[in-house]
Amino acid sequence: MTSRNEQISDEHTAGQSRRGHVRTAASGRVLAQVLDSEDGKLIGHTFHSDIVEISATGMRLIAAIPLDNCCLELFVRIDGLARTMLLKTRVRWTRLDASGDFHVGTEICDTPESDTEAWCEFQRDRWEKGL
């Protein structure tokens, strides 16, 4: 029989092995707006969130409501970075945590109106600095 901590650790390891990019902690905030959703009532919903973690292709945020199958526009402000980036993202997953908040995994969409090149440059700089 496995303990709950072992089970959580195994789930975390399994989840990490399915990911294409390493996630790292980052300090910053986003202003998010739902651009598209299967639930039409969510379109236009805005919220602020701390950034939980980031990867080369996305980030994890916190929301008060589930945002399954949504497209979001994010104004991203990373601590220590001079500029704010505008990113279009697609919600890949939503999970309810013990506090009642929803963790939201997003994937950056490469669109002409997004600052994807600036995001890639930011990621390259972090990689070179070993962050």
Protein backbone atom coordinates (compact mmCIF):
# COMPACT_ATOMS: atom_id res chain seq x y z
CA MET A 1 0.00 0.00 0.00
CA THR A 2 1.35 3.45 -0.90
CA SER A 3 1.00 6.57 1.17
CA ARG A 4 -0.79 9.66 -0.15
CA ASN A 5 2.57 11.51 -0.39
CA GLU A 6 4.05 8.70 -2.50
CA GLN A 7 0.96 8.75 -4.71
CA ILE A 8 1.21 12.54 -5.21
CA SER A 9 4.92 12.23 -5.97
CA ASP A 10 4.23 9.49 -8.53
CA GLU A 11 1.50 11.61 -10.16
CA HIS A 12 3.87 14.59 -10.31
CA THR A 13 6.66 12.47 -11.87
CA ALA A 14 4.26 10.96 -14.41
CA GLY A 15 2.99 14.45 -15.31
CA GLN A 16 6.53 15.80 -15.72
CA SER A 17 7.46 12.93 -18.07
CA ARG A 18 4.53 13.82 -20.39
CA ARG A 19 5.58 17.46 -20.67
CA GLY A 20 7.58 18.66 -23.63
CA HIS A 21 9.27 21.50 -21.71
CA VAL A 22 10.63 21.95 -18.22
CA ARG A 23 8.56 24.20 -15.95
CA THR A 24 10.25 26.66 -13.66
CA ALA A 25 9.03 29.03 -10.97
CA ALA A 26 8.67 32.65 -12.03
CA SER A 27 7.49 35.70 -10.20
CA GLY A 28 4.99 37.92 -11.93
CA ARG A 29 1.34 38.73 -12.60
CA VAL A 30 -1.06 38.58 -15.49
CA LEU A 31 -4.23 40.34 -16.44
CA ALA A 32 -6.27 37.78 -18.36
CA GLN A 33 -9.38 38.00 -20.50
CA VAL A 34 -11.36 35.12 -21.96
CA LEU A 35 -11.46 35.59 -25.74
CA ASP A 36 -13.29 32.40 -26.69
CA SER A 37 -15.05 29.64 -24.78
CA GLU A 38 -17.52 26.83 -25.28
CA ASP A 39 -19.44 28.57 -22.49
CA GLY A 40 -20.45 31.85 -24.10
CA LYS A 41 -21.05 33.44 -20.68
CA LEU A 42 -17.30 33.32 -20.00
CA ILE A 43 -16.33 35.42 -23.05
CA GLY A 44 -15.07 38.78 -21.84
CA HIS A 45 -14.46 37.56 -18.26
CA THR A 46 -11.30 39.18 -16.87
CA PHE A 47 -9.17 38.31 -13.86
CA HIS A 48 -5.75 38.94 -12.32
CA SER A 49 -3.45 36.08 -11.37
CA ASP A 50 -0.04 35.44 -9.97
CA ILE A 51 2.13 33.32 -12.23
CA VAL A 52 2.73 29.94 -10.58
CA GLU A 53 5.26 28.57 -13.06
CA ILE A 54 6.34 28.97 -16.67
CA SER A 55 7.79 26.90 -19.48
CA ALA A 56 9.01 27.68 -22.98
CA THR A 57 5.49 27.19 -24.34
CA GLY A 58 3.15 28.23 -21.54
CA MET A 59 2.43 29.00 -17.94
CA ARG A 60 0.29 27.99 -14.97
CA LEU A 61 -2.07 30.55 -13.47
CA ILE A 62 -4.70 30.63 -10.74
CA ALA A 63 -8.36 31.49 -11.36
CA ALA A 64 -11.48 31.58 -9.19
CA ILE A 65 -13.55 29.69 -11.78
CA PRO A 66 -12.87 26.76 -14.12
CA LEU A 67 -11.75 27.86 -17.58
CA ASP A 68 -11.82 24.59 -19.51
CA ASN A 69 -11.58 24.89 -23.30
CA CYS A 70 -11.00 28.65 -23.30
CA CYS A 71 -8.69 30.92 -25.23
CA LEU A 72 -7.18 33.70 -23.14
CA GLU A 73 -5.44 36.97 -23.84
CA LEU A 74 -2.76 37.59 -21.21
CA PHE A 75 -0.96 40.80 -20.37
CA VAL A 76 2.11 39.30 -18.70
CA ARG A 77 4.36 41.18 -16.30
CA ILE A 78 7.38 39.17 -15.15
CA ASP A 79 9.25 40.63 -12.16
CA GLY A 80 12.57 42.07 -13.28
CA LEU A 81 11.59 42.25 -16.95
CA ALA A 82 11.24 45.76 -18.37
CA ARG A 83 8.34 45.08 -20.73
CA THR A 84 4.84 43.70 -20.50
CA MET A 85 4.05 40.99 -23.04
CA LEU A 86 0.72 40.31 -24.73
CA LEU A 87 0.21 36.58 -25.24
CA LYS A 88 -2.69 34.63 -26.70
CA THR A 89 -3.04 31.26 -24.98
CA ARG A 90 -5.17 28.16 -25.02
CA VAL A 91 -6.19 26.49 -21.76
CA ARG A 92 -4.86 22.93 -21.78
CA TRP A 93 -6.11 21.89 -18.35
CA THR A 94 -7.85 23.15 -15.21
CA ARG A 95 -7.56 21.58 -11.74
CA LEU A 96 -9.28 22.48 -8.48
CA ASP A 97 -6.86 22.74 -5.53
CA ALA A 98 -7.56 22.27 -1.83
CA SER A 99 -8.06 26.02 -1.28
CA GLY A 100 -10.89 26.17 -3.82
CA ASP A 101 -8.86 27.94 -6.51
CA PHE A 102 -8.44 26.57 -10.02
CA HIS A 103 -4.95 26.05 -11.41
CA VAL A 104 -5.00 26.70 -15.13
CA GLY A 105 -2.37 25.34 -17.52
CA THR A 106 -2.04 27.46 -20.65
CA GLU A 107 -0.20 26.99 -23.92
CA ILE A 108 1.00 30.02 -25.88
CA CYS A 109 -0.44 30.38 -29.37
CA ASP A 110 1.87 31.82 -32.01
CA THR A 111 -0.32 34.54 -33.51
CA PRO A 112 0.69 37.81 -35.23
CA GLU A 113 -0.76 39.93 -32.40
CA SER A 114 1.13 37.98 -29.68
CA ASP A 115 4.57 38.80 -28.33
CA THR A 116 5.73 35.23 -28.88
CA GLU A 117 9.15 36.32 -30.11
CA ALA A 118 9.67 38.38 -26.94
CA TRP A 119 8.56 35.33 -24.88
CA CYS A 120 11.08 33.13 -26.72
CA GLU A 121 13.83 35.69 -26.15
CA PHE A 122 12.94 35.88 -22.45
CA GLN A 123 13.12 32.07 -22.24
CA ARG A 124 16.52 31.98 -24.03
CA ASP A 125 17.90 34.57 -21.59
CA ARG A 126 16.66 32.54 -18.60
CA TRP A 127 18.15 29.36 -20.04
CA GLU A 128 21.54 31.02 -20.60
CA LYS A 129 21.53 32.35 -17.02
CA GLY A 130 20.62 28.91 -15.67
CA LEU A 131 17.32 30.02 -14.16
